[in-house]
N, C-alpha and C. Protein backbone atom coordinates (compact mmCIF):
# COMPACT_ATOMS: atom_id res chain seq x y z
N MET A 1 0.82 -1.19 0.00
CA MET A 1 0.00 0.00 0.00
C MET A 1 0.87 1.26 0.00
N MET A 2 1.88 1.30 0.88
CA MET A 2 2.74 2.48 0.97
C MET A 2 3.50 2.70 -0.33
N LYS A 3 4.00 1.63 -0.95
CA LYS A 3 4.73 1.77 -2.20
C LYS A 3 3.81 2.33 -3.29
N ASN A 4 2.56 1.90 -3.33
CA ASN A 4 1.60 2.42 -4.30
C ASN A 4 1.36 3.91 -4.08
N LEU A 5 1.25 4.33 -2.81
CA LEU A 5 1.07 5.75 -2.51
C LEU A 5 2.29 6.55 -2.94
N LEU A 6 3.50 6.01 -2.72
CA LEU A 6 4.71 6.71 -3.14
C LEU A 6 4.76 6.84 -4.66
N ASN A 7 4.37 5.79 -5.38
CA ASN A 7 4.35 5.87 -6.84
C ASN A 7 3.37 6.94 -7.31
N ARG A 8 2.21 7.04 -6.69
CA ARG A 8 1.25 8.08 -7.07
C ARG A 8 1.80 9.46 -6.77
N HIS A 9 2.45 9.60 -5.60
CA HIS A 9 3.04 10.88 -5.23
C HIS A 9 4.10 11.29 -6.25
N TYR A 10 4.96 10.35 -6.64
CA TYR A 10 6.00 10.61 -7.62
C TYR A 10 5.38 11.03 -8.95
N LEU A 11 4.32 10.35 -9.36
CA LEU A 11 3.64 10.67 -10.61
C LEU A 11 3.12 12.10 -10.57
N ILE A 12 2.51 12.50 -9.46
CA ILE A 12 1.98 13.85 -9.35
C ILE A 12 3.10 14.87 -9.41
N ILE A 13 4.21 14.61 -8.74
CA ILE A 13 5.34 15.54 -8.79
C ILE A 13 5.85 15.69 -10.22
N ILE A 14 6.01 14.59 -10.92
CA ILE A 14 6.47 14.65 -12.31
C ILE A 14 5.53 15.52 -13.13
N LEU A 15 4.25 15.29 -12.99
CA LEU A 15 3.28 16.01 -13.81
C LEU A 15 3.25 17.49 -13.47
N LEU A 16 3.35 17.84 -12.20
CA LEU A 16 3.34 19.25 -11.83
C LEU A 16 4.54 19.99 -12.40
N PHE A 17 5.68 19.33 -12.43
CA PHE A 17 6.85 19.97 -13.00
C PHE A 17 6.83 19.96 -14.52
N ALA A 18 6.22 18.98 -15.11
CA ALA A 18 6.20 18.89 -16.57
C ALA A 18 5.26 19.89 -17.20
N LEU A 19 4.17 20.25 -16.52
CA LEU A 19 3.21 21.17 -17.11
C LEU A 19 3.81 22.52 -17.51
N PRO A 20 4.60 23.17 -16.65
CA PRO A 20 5.19 24.43 -17.10
C PRO A 20 6.08 24.26 -18.32
N ALA A 21 6.72 23.12 -18.43
CA ALA A 21 7.58 22.87 -19.59
C ALA A 21 6.77 22.84 -20.87
N LEU A 22 5.53 22.41 -20.79
CA LEU A 22 4.69 22.35 -21.98
C LEU A 22 4.29 23.72 -22.48
N VAL A 23 4.08 24.64 -21.57
CA VAL A 23 3.54 25.93 -21.96
C VAL A 23 4.56 27.07 -21.94
N ASN A 24 5.70 26.87 -21.32
CA ASN A 24 6.69 27.92 -21.20
C ASN A 24 7.72 27.81 -22.32
N SER A 25 7.73 28.77 -23.20
CA SER A 25 8.70 28.73 -24.29
C SER A 25 9.88 29.66 -24.01
N GLY A 26 10.01 30.12 -22.77
CA GLY A 26 11.09 31.02 -22.42
C GLY A 26 12.42 30.31 -22.33
N ASP A 27 13.40 31.01 -21.79
CA ASP A 27 14.74 30.44 -21.66
C ASP A 27 14.71 29.22 -20.75
N ARG A 28 15.49 28.24 -21.11
CA ARG A 28 15.56 27.04 -20.27
C ARG A 28 16.60 27.29 -19.18
N PRO A 29 16.41 26.65 -18.04
CA PRO A 29 17.37 26.81 -16.94
C PRO A 29 18.65 26.05 -17.25
N PRO A 30 19.70 26.31 -16.50
CA PRO A 30 20.92 25.51 -16.68
C PRO A 30 20.58 24.04 -16.41
N ALA A 31 21.23 23.15 -17.14
CA ALA A 31 21.01 21.72 -16.93
C ALA A 31 21.51 21.35 -15.54
N PRO A 32 20.80 20.47 -14.84
CA PRO A 32 21.29 20.02 -13.53
C PRO A 32 22.59 19.24 -13.68
N PRO A 33 23.35 19.10 -12.61
CA PRO A 33 24.59 18.32 -12.69
C PRO A 33 24.32 16.92 -13.23
N GLY A 34 25.19 16.48 -14.14
CA GLY A 34 25.05 15.15 -14.72
C GLY A 34 24.18 15.11 -15.97
N PHE A 35 23.70 16.28 -16.42
CA PHE A 35 22.84 16.38 -17.59
C PHE A 35 23.29 17.52 -18.49
N SER A 36 22.90 17.44 -19.75
CA SER A 36 23.05 18.56 -20.68
C SER A 36 21.75 18.64 -21.48
N TRP A 37 21.56 19.76 -22.16
CA TRP A 37 20.36 19.93 -22.97
C TRP A 37 20.60 19.41 -24.39
N HIS A 38 19.59 18.76 -24.94
CA HIS A 38 19.62 18.36 -26.34
C HIS A 38 18.46 19.04 -27.04
N VAL A 39 18.77 19.86 -28.04
CA VAL A 39 17.75 20.49 -28.87
C VAL A 39 17.62 19.63 -30.13
N ALA A 40 16.46 19.03 -30.31
CA ALA A 40 16.26 18.11 -31.44
C ALA A 40 16.29 18.86 -32.76
N ASN A 41 17.07 18.38 -33.69
CA ASN A 41 17.16 18.98 -35.02
C ASN A 41 15.87 18.78 -35.81
N ASN A 42 15.09 17.74 -35.47
CA ASN A 42 13.86 17.45 -36.20
C ASN A 42 12.63 18.16 -35.62
N GLY A 43 12.83 19.05 -34.65
CA GLY A 43 11.75 19.87 -34.14
C GLY A 43 10.90 19.26 -33.04
N VAL A 44 11.28 18.09 -32.53
CA VAL A 44 10.48 17.44 -31.49
C VAL A 44 10.49 18.25 -30.21
N GLY A 45 11.62 18.84 -29.86
CA GLY A 45 11.69 19.64 -28.65
C GLY A 45 13.09 19.72 -28.08
N THR A 46 13.15 20.11 -26.81
CA THR A 46 14.41 20.26 -26.08
C THR A 46 14.31 19.41 -24.82
N PHE A 47 15.32 18.57 -24.59
CA PHE A 47 15.23 17.58 -23.52
C PHE A 47 16.54 17.46 -22.76
N LEU A 48 16.43 17.13 -21.47
CA LEU A 48 17.62 16.83 -20.67
C LEU A 48 18.18 15.47 -21.08
N THR A 49 19.49 15.41 -21.21
CA THR A 49 20.17 14.18 -21.58
C THR A 49 21.21 13.85 -20.52
N PRO A 50 21.10 12.68 -19.88
CA PRO A 50 22.11 12.29 -18.89
C PRO A 50 23.49 12.16 -19.55
N ASP A 51 24.51 12.61 -18.84
CA ASP A 51 25.87 12.48 -19.34
C ASP A 51 26.17 11.02 -19.67
N GLY A 52 26.79 10.79 -20.82
CA GLY A 52 27.17 9.45 -21.24
C GLY A 52 26.07 8.68 -21.95
N TRP A 53 24.86 9.23 -22.01
CA TRP A 53 23.77 8.56 -22.72
C TRP A 53 23.82 8.93 -24.19
N HIS A 54 23.05 8.23 -25.00
CA HIS A 54 23.08 8.38 -26.44
C HIS A 54 21.77 8.98 -26.94
N VAL A 55 21.88 9.77 -28.01
CA VAL A 55 20.70 10.40 -28.62
C VAL A 55 20.60 9.96 -30.07
N LEU A 56 19.40 9.60 -30.46
CA LEU A 56 19.12 9.24 -31.84
C LEU A 56 17.84 9.96 -32.25
N GLU A 57 17.86 10.59 -33.42
CA GLU A 57 16.67 11.24 -33.96
C GLU A 57 16.27 10.53 -35.24
N GLU A 58 14.97 10.41 -35.46
CA GLU A 58 14.44 9.81 -36.68
C GLU A 58 13.23 10.60 -37.15
N THR A 59 13.01 10.55 -38.44
CA THR A 59 11.82 11.13 -39.05
C THR A 59 11.31 10.15 -40.09
N LYS A 60 10.02 9.80 -39.95
CA LYS A 60 9.36 8.92 -40.93
C LYS A 60 7.98 9.50 -41.18
N GLY A 61 7.77 9.96 -42.41
CA GLY A 61 6.49 10.60 -42.73
C GLY A 61 6.27 11.82 -41.87
N ASN A 62 5.11 11.90 -41.22
CA ASN A 62 4.85 13.06 -40.37
C ASN A 62 5.13 12.76 -38.89
N THR A 63 5.96 11.73 -38.63
CA THR A 63 6.35 11.41 -37.26
C THR A 63 7.84 11.65 -37.08
N ASN A 64 8.15 12.47 -36.09
CA ASN A 64 9.53 12.75 -35.69
C ASN A 64 9.74 12.10 -34.33
N ALA A 65 10.93 11.56 -34.11
CA ALA A 65 11.20 10.89 -32.84
C ALA A 65 12.57 11.26 -32.32
N VAL A 66 12.68 11.25 -30.99
CA VAL A 66 13.95 11.41 -30.29
C VAL A 66 14.04 10.28 -29.28
N PHE A 67 15.17 9.59 -29.28
CA PHE A 67 15.46 8.53 -28.33
C PHE A 67 16.68 8.95 -27.54
N ILE A 68 16.57 8.98 -26.23
CA ILE A 68 17.69 9.29 -25.34
C ILE A 68 17.86 8.05 -24.47
N SER A 69 18.93 7.31 -24.71
CA SER A 69 19.03 6.00 -24.07
C SER A 69 20.41 5.72 -23.47
N ARG A 70 20.38 4.86 -22.47
CA ARG A 70 21.63 4.43 -21.84
C ARG A 70 22.45 3.63 -22.82
N GLU A 71 21.79 2.78 -23.60
CA GLU A 71 22.48 1.95 -24.58
C GLU A 71 22.54 2.68 -25.92
N ASN A 72 23.53 2.37 -26.71
CA ASN A 72 23.68 2.98 -28.04
C ASN A 72 22.79 2.22 -29.03
N ILE A 73 21.70 2.85 -29.44
CA ILE A 73 20.75 2.20 -30.35
C ILE A 73 21.40 1.89 -31.69
N ARG A 74 22.28 2.75 -32.15
CA ARG A 74 22.93 2.52 -33.45
C ARG A 74 23.73 1.21 -33.43
N GLU A 75 24.35 0.90 -32.29
CA GLU A 75 25.14 -0.33 -32.18
C GLU A 75 24.28 -1.55 -31.88
N HIS A 76 23.29 -1.40 -31.00
CA HIS A 76 22.52 -2.54 -30.52
C HIS A 76 21.16 -2.70 -31.21
N GLY A 77 20.70 -1.67 -31.90
CA GLY A 77 19.41 -1.74 -32.58
C GLY A 77 18.22 -1.59 -31.66
N LYS A 78 18.45 -1.42 -30.36
CA LYS A 78 17.38 -1.26 -29.38
C LYS A 78 17.97 -0.72 -28.09
N PHE A 79 17.09 -0.47 -27.12
CA PHE A 79 17.57 -0.07 -25.80
C PHE A 79 16.65 -0.65 -24.74
N THR A 80 17.17 -0.76 -23.51
CA THR A 80 16.35 -1.23 -22.40
C THR A 80 16.00 -0.11 -21.43
N THR A 81 16.86 0.92 -21.38
CA THR A 81 16.62 2.04 -20.46
C THR A 81 16.71 3.33 -21.25
N GLY A 82 15.62 4.09 -21.24
CA GLY A 82 15.68 5.35 -21.97
C GLY A 82 14.37 6.09 -22.05
N PHE A 83 14.47 7.24 -22.66
CA PHE A 83 13.41 8.23 -22.80
C PHE A 83 13.11 8.36 -24.29
N THR A 84 11.84 8.31 -24.65
CA THR A 84 11.43 8.40 -26.05
C THR A 84 10.36 9.46 -26.20
N VAL A 85 10.47 10.25 -27.26
CA VAL A 85 9.41 11.21 -27.59
C VAL A 85 9.09 11.06 -29.07
N ASN A 86 7.82 10.81 -29.36
CA ASN A 86 7.33 10.79 -30.73
C ASN A 86 6.41 11.99 -30.93
N GLN A 87 6.65 12.73 -31.98
CA GLN A 87 5.85 13.90 -32.34
C GLN A 87 5.19 13.59 -33.68
N VAL A 88 3.86 13.64 -33.71
CA VAL A 88 3.13 13.48 -34.96
C VAL A 88 2.62 14.86 -35.36
N THR A 89 3.13 15.38 -36.46
CA THR A 89 2.71 16.69 -36.95
C THR A 89 1.57 16.52 -37.95
N SER A 90 0.84 17.59 -38.18
CA SER A 90 -0.31 17.54 -39.11
C SER A 90 -1.16 16.32 -38.80
N TYR A 91 -1.46 16.14 -37.53
CA TYR A 91 -2.14 14.94 -37.06
C TYR A 91 -3.46 14.70 -37.79
N SER A 92 -4.23 15.75 -37.99
CA SER A 92 -5.57 15.58 -38.58
C SER A 92 -5.54 15.08 -40.02
N SER A 93 -4.39 15.20 -40.69
CA SER A 93 -4.31 14.73 -42.08
C SER A 93 -4.35 13.21 -42.19
N SER A 94 -4.10 12.51 -41.07
CA SER A 94 -4.07 11.06 -41.13
C SER A 94 -5.04 10.39 -40.15
N SER A 95 -5.98 11.17 -39.60
CA SER A 95 -6.88 10.58 -38.62
C SER A 95 -8.25 11.26 -38.66
N SER A 96 -9.26 10.50 -38.30
CA SER A 96 -10.61 11.05 -38.26
C SER A 96 -10.97 11.57 -36.87
N ILE A 97 -10.06 11.39 -35.89
CA ILE A 97 -10.29 11.94 -34.55
C ILE A 97 -9.21 12.97 -34.25
N THR A 98 -9.44 13.79 -33.24
CA THR A 98 -8.46 14.82 -32.89
C THR A 98 -7.28 14.19 -32.16
N ALA A 99 -6.20 14.94 -32.11
CA ALA A 99 -5.00 14.48 -31.41
C ALA A 99 -5.30 14.25 -29.93
N SER A 100 -6.10 15.12 -29.32
CA SER A 100 -6.42 14.96 -27.90
C SER A 100 -7.28 13.71 -27.66
N GLN A 101 -8.18 13.42 -28.58
CA GLN A 101 -8.97 12.19 -28.45
C GLN A 101 -8.07 10.96 -28.57
N TYR A 102 -7.15 10.99 -29.52
CA TYR A 102 -6.24 9.85 -29.69
C TYR A 102 -5.37 9.67 -28.45
N ALA A 103 -4.90 10.77 -27.86
CA ALA A 103 -4.05 10.67 -26.67
C ALA A 103 -4.77 9.91 -25.55
N LYS A 104 -6.06 10.20 -25.37
CA LYS A 104 -6.84 9.49 -24.36
C LYS A 104 -6.97 8.00 -24.70
N LEU A 105 -7.28 7.72 -25.97
CA LEU A 105 -7.43 6.33 -26.40
C LEU A 105 -6.12 5.56 -26.28
N TYR A 106 -5.02 6.21 -26.61
CA TYR A 106 -3.69 5.58 -26.54
C TYR A 106 -3.40 5.12 -25.11
N ILE A 107 -3.61 6.01 -24.14
CA ILE A 107 -3.35 5.65 -22.74
C ILE A 107 -4.32 4.56 -22.29
N GLN A 108 -5.58 4.64 -22.72
CA GLN A 108 -6.54 3.60 -22.33
C GLN A 108 -6.11 2.24 -22.86
N LYS A 109 -5.59 2.18 -24.08
CA LYS A 109 -5.11 0.90 -24.63
C LYS A 109 -3.95 0.36 -23.80
N ILE A 110 -3.07 1.23 -23.35
CA ILE A 110 -1.95 0.81 -22.49
C ILE A 110 -2.49 0.27 -21.17
N ILE A 111 -3.45 0.98 -20.59
CA ILE A 111 -4.05 0.55 -19.32
C ILE A 111 -4.71 -0.81 -19.47
N ASP A 112 -5.39 -1.02 -20.59
CA ASP A 112 -6.09 -2.29 -20.83
C ASP A 112 -5.12 -3.45 -21.07
N LYS A 113 -3.94 -3.17 -21.58
CA LYS A 113 -3.01 -4.22 -21.97
C LYS A 113 -2.02 -4.63 -20.87
N TYR A 114 -1.61 -3.69 -20.03
CA TYR A 114 -0.54 -3.95 -19.08
C TYR A 114 -1.02 -3.87 -17.63
N SER A 115 -0.15 -4.28 -16.73
CA SER A 115 -0.42 -4.17 -15.29
C SER A 115 -0.15 -2.73 -14.87
N VAL A 116 -1.19 -2.04 -14.43
CA VAL A 116 -1.11 -0.60 -14.15
C VAL A 116 -0.59 -0.35 -12.74
N ILE A 117 0.42 0.49 -12.66
CA ILE A 117 0.95 0.95 -11.38
C ILE A 117 0.22 2.21 -10.97
N SER A 118 0.06 3.14 -11.92
CA SER A 118 -0.69 4.37 -11.68
C SER A 118 -1.12 4.95 -13.01
N SER A 119 -2.20 5.74 -12.97
CA SER A 119 -2.66 6.39 -14.19
C SER A 119 -3.51 7.59 -13.82
N GLY A 120 -3.74 8.46 -14.78
CA GLY A 120 -4.58 9.63 -14.55
C GLY A 120 -4.49 10.62 -15.68
N VAL A 121 -5.19 11.72 -15.49
CA VAL A 121 -5.19 12.82 -16.45
C VAL A 121 -4.93 14.10 -15.68
N VAL A 122 -3.98 14.88 -16.16
CA VAL A 122 -3.72 16.19 -15.58
C VAL A 122 -4.23 17.21 -16.57
N LYS A 123 -5.16 18.05 -16.12
CA LYS A 123 -5.77 19.05 -16.98
C LYS A 123 -5.06 20.39 -16.78
N ASP A 124 -4.76 21.05 -17.89
CA ASP A 124 -4.14 22.36 -17.83
C ASP A 124 -4.65 23.16 -19.02
N GLY A 125 -5.76 23.85 -18.83
CA GLY A 125 -6.34 24.61 -19.93
C GLY A 125 -6.79 23.68 -21.03
N SER A 126 -6.30 23.92 -22.23
CA SER A 126 -6.72 23.10 -23.38
C SER A 126 -5.82 21.89 -23.61
N THR A 127 -4.76 21.74 -22.81
CA THR A 127 -3.83 20.62 -23.02
C THR A 127 -3.89 19.67 -21.84
N ASP A 128 -4.40 18.45 -22.08
CA ASP A 128 -4.43 17.41 -21.06
C ASP A 128 -3.22 16.52 -21.23
N MET A 129 -2.69 16.07 -20.10
CA MET A 129 -1.63 15.07 -20.11
C MET A 129 -2.26 13.77 -19.63
N ASN A 130 -2.34 12.79 -20.49
CA ASN A 130 -2.88 11.48 -20.16
C ASN A 130 -1.69 10.60 -19.80
N VAL A 131 -1.73 10.00 -18.60
CA VAL A 131 -0.54 9.31 -18.11
C VAL A 131 -0.86 7.90 -17.62
N ALA A 132 0.12 7.04 -17.72
CA ALA A 132 0.03 5.69 -17.14
C ALA A 132 1.44 5.17 -16.91
N ARG A 133 1.64 4.58 -15.76
CA ARG A 133 2.88 3.86 -15.48
C ARG A 133 2.49 2.39 -15.36
N VAL A 134 3.16 1.57 -16.14
CA VAL A 134 2.76 0.16 -16.23
C VAL A 134 3.95 -0.78 -16.13
N LYS A 135 3.64 -2.03 -15.78
CA LYS A 135 4.62 -3.11 -15.83
C LYS A 135 4.31 -3.93 -17.06
N GLY A 136 5.35 -4.29 -17.76
CA GLY A 136 5.18 -5.12 -18.95
C GLY A 136 6.41 -5.96 -19.20
N ASP A 137 6.50 -6.46 -20.41
CA ASP A 137 7.58 -7.34 -20.81
C ASP A 137 8.25 -6.74 -22.04
N ASN A 138 9.56 -6.61 -22.00
CA ASN A 138 10.32 -6.11 -23.13
C ASN A 138 11.33 -7.17 -23.51
N ALA A 139 10.99 -7.98 -24.50
CA ALA A 139 11.86 -9.06 -24.97
C ALA A 139 12.28 -9.98 -23.83
N GLY A 140 11.31 -10.34 -22.97
CA GLY A 140 11.58 -11.26 -21.88
C GLY A 140 12.08 -10.61 -20.61
N VAL A 141 12.21 -9.30 -20.58
CA VAL A 141 12.69 -8.58 -19.39
C VAL A 141 11.52 -7.81 -18.79
N ALA A 142 11.21 -8.07 -17.51
CA ALA A 142 10.16 -7.31 -16.82
C ALA A 142 10.57 -5.84 -16.82
N THR A 143 9.69 -4.98 -17.34
CA THR A 143 10.01 -3.57 -17.56
C THR A 143 8.91 -2.68 -17.03
N ILE A 144 9.31 -1.54 -16.48
CA ILE A 144 8.35 -0.51 -16.08
C ILE A 144 8.49 0.64 -17.08
N THR A 145 7.35 1.12 -17.56
CA THR A 145 7.34 2.23 -18.50
C THR A 145 6.34 3.28 -18.03
N HIS A 146 6.80 4.51 -17.99
CA HIS A 146 5.93 5.64 -17.67
C HIS A 146 5.59 6.34 -18.99
N HIS A 147 4.30 6.40 -19.32
CA HIS A 147 3.82 6.98 -20.58
C HIS A 147 3.09 8.29 -20.33
N ILE A 148 3.28 9.24 -21.22
CA ILE A 148 2.49 10.47 -21.26
C ILE A 148 2.04 10.65 -22.71
N ALA A 149 0.75 10.89 -22.91
CA ALA A 149 0.22 11.17 -24.24
C ALA A 149 -0.45 12.54 -24.19
N ILE A 150 -0.05 13.40 -25.13
CA ILE A 150 -0.52 14.78 -25.15
C ILE A 150 -1.00 15.10 -26.56
N GLY A 151 -2.26 15.44 -26.69
CA GLY A 151 -2.80 15.88 -27.97
C GLY A 151 -2.98 17.38 -27.95
N MET A 152 -2.27 18.07 -28.81
CA MET A 152 -2.36 19.54 -28.90
C MET A 152 -3.17 19.89 -30.14
N ASP A 153 -4.48 19.95 -29.97
CA ASP A 153 -5.36 20.20 -31.11
C ASP A 153 -5.10 21.56 -31.76
N ASP A 154 -4.77 22.57 -30.95
CA ASP A 154 -4.51 23.90 -31.51
C ASP A 154 -3.28 23.92 -32.40
N ARG A 155 -2.35 22.99 -32.19
CA ARG A 155 -1.15 22.89 -33.02
C ARG A 155 -1.22 21.71 -33.99
N ASP A 156 -2.31 20.92 -33.90
CA ASP A 156 -2.50 19.74 -34.74
C ASP A 156 -1.33 18.78 -34.59
N GLU A 157 -0.92 18.56 -33.32
CA GLU A 157 0.22 17.70 -33.01
C GLU A 157 -0.13 16.72 -31.89
N LEU A 158 0.48 15.56 -31.96
CA LEU A 158 0.36 14.54 -30.93
C LEU A 158 1.77 14.24 -30.42
N TYR A 159 1.91 14.13 -29.10
CA TYR A 159 3.19 13.76 -28.49
C TYR A 159 2.99 12.53 -27.62
N LEU A 160 3.83 11.54 -27.83
CA LEU A 160 3.86 10.34 -27.01
C LEU A 160 5.24 10.29 -26.36
N VAL A 161 5.27 10.43 -25.05
CA VAL A 161 6.51 10.53 -24.29
C VAL A 161 6.57 9.35 -23.33
N SER A 162 7.74 8.72 -23.22
CA SER A 162 7.85 7.60 -22.28
C SER A 162 9.27 7.47 -21.75
N PHE A 163 9.36 6.86 -20.59
CA PHE A 163 10.65 6.45 -20.01
C PHE A 163 10.48 5.01 -19.58
N GLN A 164 11.42 4.16 -19.98
CA GLN A 164 11.35 2.75 -19.60
C GLN A 164 12.67 2.30 -19.02
N ALA A 165 12.56 1.33 -18.11
CA ALA A 165 13.74 0.69 -17.52
C ALA A 165 13.32 -0.69 -17.02
N PRO A 166 14.27 -1.62 -16.99
CA PRO A 166 13.94 -2.92 -16.40
C PRO A 166 13.41 -2.73 -14.98
N GLU A 167 12.41 -3.51 -14.62
CA GLU A 167 11.82 -3.39 -13.28
C GLU A 167 12.89 -3.49 -12.19
N SER A 168 13.87 -4.38 -12.37
CA SER A 168 14.92 -4.56 -11.38
C SER A 168 15.82 -3.34 -11.23
N GLU A 169 15.80 -2.43 -12.22
CA GLU A 169 16.64 -1.23 -12.20
C GLU A 169 15.83 0.06 -12.06
N TRP A 170 14.51 -0.05 -11.97
CA TRP A 170 13.66 1.15 -11.97
C TRP A 170 14.05 2.13 -10.87
N GLU A 171 14.23 1.64 -9.67
CA GLU A 171 14.57 2.54 -8.56
C GLU A 171 15.90 3.26 -8.81
N ALA A 172 16.85 2.57 -9.42
CA ALA A 172 18.15 3.18 -9.71
C ALA A 172 18.03 4.32 -10.72
N TYR A 173 17.02 4.24 -11.60
CA TYR A 173 16.83 5.28 -12.63
C TYR A 173 15.67 6.22 -12.32
N ASN A 174 15.10 6.09 -11.14
CA ASN A 174 13.98 6.92 -10.75
C ASN A 174 14.33 8.41 -10.79
N ASP A 175 15.47 8.78 -10.23
CA ASP A 175 15.89 10.19 -10.23
C ASP A 175 16.18 10.68 -11.64
N THR A 176 16.80 9.84 -12.47
CA THR A 176 17.08 10.21 -13.85
C THR A 176 15.78 10.49 -14.60
N ALA A 177 14.83 9.57 -14.47
CA ALA A 177 13.53 9.76 -15.12
C ALA A 177 12.86 11.03 -14.62
N GLY A 178 12.93 11.25 -13.31
CA GLY A 178 12.31 12.45 -12.73
C GLY A 178 12.89 13.73 -13.32
N GLN A 179 14.21 13.78 -13.44
CA GLN A 179 14.84 14.97 -14.03
C GLN A 179 14.39 15.17 -15.48
N MET A 180 14.35 14.08 -16.24
CA MET A 180 13.99 14.19 -17.66
C MET A 180 12.53 14.62 -17.83
N PHE A 181 11.66 14.18 -16.93
CA PHE A 181 10.26 14.60 -16.99
C PHE A 181 10.04 15.98 -16.38
N ASN A 182 10.93 16.43 -15.50
CA ASN A 182 10.75 17.72 -14.85
C ASN A 182 10.83 18.89 -15.82
N TYR A 183 11.76 18.83 -16.75
CA TYR A 183 11.96 19.96 -17.67
C TYR A 183 12.10 19.47 -19.10
N PHE A 184 11.18 19.86 -19.92
CA PHE A 184 11.30 19.62 -21.35
C PHE A 184 10.41 20.61 -22.07
N LEU A 185 10.78 20.91 -23.30
CA LEU A 185 9.98 21.80 -24.14
C LEU A 185 9.60 21.02 -25.39
N LEU A 186 8.33 20.93 -25.68
CA LEU A 186 7.88 20.20 -26.85
C LEU A 186 7.77 21.13 -28.05
N GLY A 187 8.20 20.61 -29.18
CA GLY A 187 8.07 21.36 -30.42
C GLY A 187 8.94 22.59 -30.53
N SER A 188 10.04 22.58 -29.81
CA SER A 188 10.92 23.76 -29.85
C SER A 188 12.14 23.49 -30.70
């Protein structure tokens, strides 16, 4: 019971710090010790990157992605611990529902498929953050993934943000994930 309460508390803290990052396009603060800023060349945004971690950007059609991972994706073709952001631009050109509607459906599908640790919606004006932290399986490894889905109808963009780590290592990367979720700018 206490661990579940702590997970909910952590989720709320992450969301409270992440909301200003969504709406504030001003100057970013200095990176905390052990991190530097990465400004995505493909327009996904600006994100904290842990020292020694790897960054990979991809663009396919109207989807831009940034992967910030402990493992080098170029060498291994995948990662087990890392932060991912997918940005879908011109969302309405490929869907009959709005980006905000899809964001809700996306999180609901995750909730229906995996073992849920915590979930909820944080409302902030016209931009809702739909969130779920779940336990799942990543190629045979028990994994915890924290998902955020944000549909920005006014910008016709969808953002799918996540941090994953093996369940056995989640606590070790809890602070790293917290820092990465605390400050980010989308679409910058």
